[in-house]
Amino acid sequence: MAAKNKIVYICSNCGFESAKWAGKCPDCGEWNTMEESVKTAISAKSAASGYTSSASTLLTRPLAISEIDTEDEHRYHTGLSELDRVLGGGLVKGSLVLISGDPGIGKSTILLQICEYLGQKLRILYVSGEESARQIKLRAGRLGVSSPNLRILAETDVQLVVEHIRTEKPDIVMIDSIQT
């Protein structure tokens, strides 16, 4: 499948990116700064190439459930006792957790609170496809989130996100949101 180019609008003042043109930047509020730009997309096949799952190299055959060892399972507490309870004691290394809910319910707020707690000991990459780094920084400030181990990436290109994950080698990756 061939790659398609995508038209985006980028604010020349703050770098905010939007799929739609606006007379006023939704992020910084400046007028007439949204400039059209063409983003070169890659095919899904190209994005998937080069990616190998570490799990696929560990399990080369189906295992009987009795053969699977769970002794080394480590759980990271999130700092939110109710969330830890729902997760069976915290986040399991190598797991994927989907937090869902209506817009505005507080998913991003919860993620930043978790980042502050886990960022005391772990390196975290917070990837946002819906908000600019500036918007995240403002919310983090209101919440008292200031962990030096928290890195913010505002990006929607999956291949670039994967490359940043490979480069940064974080302990935890938060992606907000997968629908973008």
Protein backbone atom coordinates (compact mmCIF):
# COMPACT_ATOMS: atom_id res chain seq x y z
CA MET A 1 0.00 0.00 0.00
CA ALA A 2 1.39 3.39 -0.98
CA ALA A 3 1.98 6.11 1.54
CA LYS A 4 -0.24 9.18 1.44
CA ASN A 5 0.73 12.73 2.22
CA LYS A 6 -1.32 14.57 4.80
CA ILE A 7 -2.07 18.28 5.01
CA VAL A 8 -1.68 19.75 8.49
CA TYR A 9 -1.74 23.28 9.83
CA ILE A 10 1.09 24.36 12.10
CA CYS A 11 1.15 27.54 14.20
CA SER A 12 4.21 29.60 13.28
CA ASN A 13 4.18 31.08 16.78
CA CYS A 14 4.03 28.02 19.08
CA GLY A 15 4.25 24.96 16.80
CA PHE A 16 0.75 23.67 17.59
CA GLU A 17 -0.40 21.22 14.92
CA SER A 18 -3.98 20.75 13.76
CA ALA A 19 -5.72 18.78 11.05
CA LYS A 20 -8.00 21.77 10.39
CA TRP A 21 -7.20 25.38 9.61
CA ALA A 22 -8.21 28.02 12.15
CA GLY A 23 -7.88 31.78 12.07
CA LYS A 24 -6.75 31.77 15.69
CA CYS A 25 -4.35 29.19 17.11
CA PRO A 26 -6.23 27.07 19.68
CA ASP A 27 -3.06 26.74 21.77
CA CYS A 28 -1.39 30.15 21.99
CA GLY A 29 -4.33 32.32 20.85
CA GLU A 30 -2.40 34.19 18.14
CA TRP A 31 -4.31 35.20 15.01
CA ASN A 32 -3.35 34.21 11.43
CA THR A 33 -0.43 32.00 12.44
CA MET A 34 -1.78 28.63 11.22
CA GLU A 35 0.23 27.70 8.11
CA GLU A 36 -0.48 24.79 5.80
CA SER A 37 2.17 22.11 5.69
CA VAL A 38 2.39 18.74 3.96
CA LYS A 39 3.35 15.86 6.21
CA THR A 40 4.78 12.88 4.38
CA ALA A 41 3.19 9.71 5.65
CA ILE A 42 4.65 6.24 5.40
CA SER A 43 2.82 3.06 4.58
CA ALA A 44 1.66 0.78 7.37
CA LYS A 45 3.97 -1.90 6.00
CA SER A 46 7.00 0.42 6.30
CA ALA A 47 5.99 1.46 9.82
CA ALA A 48 5.83 -2.17 10.91
CA SER A 49 9.14 -3.14 9.30
CA GLY A 50 12.06 -3.38 11.66
CA TYR A 51 9.81 -3.91 14.66
CA THR A 52 10.31 -7.17 16.45
CA SER A 53 8.55 -8.13 19.60
CA SER A 54 10.80 -9.29 22.40
CA ALA A 55 7.95 -11.55 23.53
CA SER A 56 8.02 -13.38 20.18
CA THR A 57 11.65 -14.37 20.72
CA LEU A 58 10.98 -15.62 24.25
CA LEU A 59 8.08 -17.94 23.42
CA THR A 60 8.85 -20.01 20.35
CA ARG A 61 6.05 -22.50 20.99
CA PRO A 62 2.73 -22.50 22.79
CA LEU A 63 3.17 -23.34 26.47
CA ALA A 64 0.93 -25.27 28.79
CA ILE A 65 -0.37 -22.94 31.46
CA SER A 66 1.43 -25.03 34.10
CA GLU A 67 4.77 -24.30 32.38
CA ILE A 68 4.48 -20.52 32.70
CA ASP A 69 6.46 -18.99 35.56
CA THR A 70 4.99 -15.93 37.31
CA GLU A 71 7.49 -15.66 40.15
CA ASP A 72 9.36 -12.69 38.63
CA GLU A 73 6.23 -10.62 38.07
CA HIS A 74 6.88 -7.11 39.37
CA ARG A 75 4.11 -4.58 39.83
CA TYR A 76 4.62 -0.83 39.87
CA HIS A 77 2.32 1.05 42.20
CA THR A 78 0.73 4.03 40.45
CA GLY A 79 0.25 6.21 43.51
CA LEU A 80 -3.52 5.85 43.08
CA SER A 81 -4.71 3.08 45.40
CA GLU A 82 -8.02 2.47 43.63
CA LEU A 83 -6.30 2.14 40.26
CA ASP A 84 -3.73 -0.22 41.77
CA ARG A 85 -6.61 -2.30 43.18
CA VAL A 86 -8.33 -2.49 39.77
CA LEU A 87 -5.02 -3.50 38.17
CA GLY A 88 -4.53 -6.32 40.69
CA GLY A 89 -1.81 -4.52 42.63
CA GLY A 90 -0.33 -2.09 40.10
CA LEU A 91 1.12 -2.00 36.59
CA VAL A 92 2.90 -5.16 35.44
CA LYS A 93 6.16 -4.63 33.53
CA GLY A 94 5.56 -5.28 29.83
CA SER A 95 1.81 -4.87 30.08
CA LEU A 96 -0.50 -2.56 28.20
CA VAL A 97 -3.32 -0.81 30.05
CA LEU A 98 -6.09 1.07 28.28
CA ILE A 99 -7.80 3.83 30.24
CA SER A 100 -10.98 4.95 28.54
CA GLY A 101 -13.89 7.26 29.19
CA ASP A 102 -15.81 10.21 27.86
CA PRO A 103 -13.93 13.35 26.79
CA GLY A 104 -13.10 15.62 29.71
CA ILE A 105 -13.54 12.94 32.36
CA GLY A 106 -9.91 13.23 33.55
CA LYS A 107 -7.93 10.52 31.76
CA SER A 108 -5.00 12.84 30.95
CA THR A 109 -5.04 14.20 34.49
CA ILE A 110 -4.82 10.69 35.93
CA LEU A 111 -1.96 9.82 33.57
CA LEU A 112 0.02 12.89 34.66
CA GLN A 113 -0.57 12.06 38.34
CA ILE A 114 0.74 8.54 37.68
CA CYS A 115 3.75 10.04 35.87
CA GLU A 116 4.59 12.18 38.90
CA TYR A 117 4.48 9.18 41.23
CA LEU A 118 6.31 6.71 38.95
CA GLY A 119 8.73 9.40 37.78
CA GLN A 120 10.37 9.37 41.19
CA LYS A 121 12.19 6.18 40.17
CA LEU A 122 11.38 5.45 36.51
CA ARG A 123 11.97 7.21 33.18
CA ILE A 124 8.65 8.02 31.53
CA LEU A 125 7.88 9.14 27.99
CA TYR A 126 4.45 10.81 27.75
CA VAL A 127 3.30 10.96 24.13
CA SER A 128 0.40 13.24 23.30
CA GLY A 129 -1.38 13.18 19.98
CA GLU A 130 -4.07 15.66 20.97
CA GLU A 131 -2.38 18.37 23.02
CA SER A 132 0.77 20.41 22.57
CA ALA A 133 3.70 20.09 24.94
CA ARG A 134 2.79 23.55 26.25
CA GLN A 135 -0.77 22.45 27.12
CA ILE A 136 0.58 19.40 28.95
CA LYS A 137 3.11 21.53 30.84
CA LEU A 138 0.32 23.90 31.96
CA ARG A 139 -1.82 21.01 33.24
CA ALA A 140 1.22 19.44 34.91
CA GLY A 141 1.91 22.73 36.67
CA ARG A 142 -1.65 22.90 38.01
CA LEU A 143 -1.28 19.34 39.32
CA GLY A 144 2.19 19.85 40.82
CA VAL A 145 3.77 17.39 38.37
CA SER A 146 7.45 18.22 37.92
CA SER A 147 9.35 14.93 37.81
CA PRO A 148 12.74 15.31 36.11
CA ASN A 149 12.26 11.78 34.72
CA LEU A 150 9.17 12.78 32.74
CA ARG A 151 9.72 13.54 29.05
CA ILE A 152 6.91 14.99 26.89
CA LEU A 153 6.51 14.30 23.17
CA ALA A 154 3.66 15.89 21.17
CA GLU A 155 3.55 13.72 18.04
CA THR A 156 1.01 11.82 15.91
CA ASP A 157 3.33 9.99 13.51
CA VAL A 158 3.57 6.42 14.81
CA GLN A 159 6.96 5.75 13.23
CA LEU A 160 8.44 8.87 14.85
CA VAL A 161 6.96 7.85 18.22
CA VAL A 162 8.52 4.38 17.88
CA GLU A 163 11.88 5.95 17.01
CA HIS A 164 11.70 8.21 20.08
CA ILE A 165 10.88 5.20 22.25
CA ARG A 166 13.92 3.38 20.84
CA THR A 167 16.13 6.43 21.39
CA GLU A 168 14.88 7.44 24.84
CA LYS A 169 14.52 3.87 26.16
CA PRO A 170 11.95 4.85 28.80
CA ASP A 171 10.78 2.46 31.50
CA ILE A 172 7.16 3.44 30.83
CA VAL A 173 5.42 4.97 27.80
CA MET A 174 2.11 6.79 28.22
CA ILE A 175 0.23 7.43 24.97
CA ASP A 176 -2.58 9.97 25.14
CA SER A 177 -4.53 9.11 23.07
CA ILE A 178 -4.43 6.10 20.79
CA GLN A 179 -7.34 7.31 18.67
CA THR A 180 -5.25 10.18 17.29
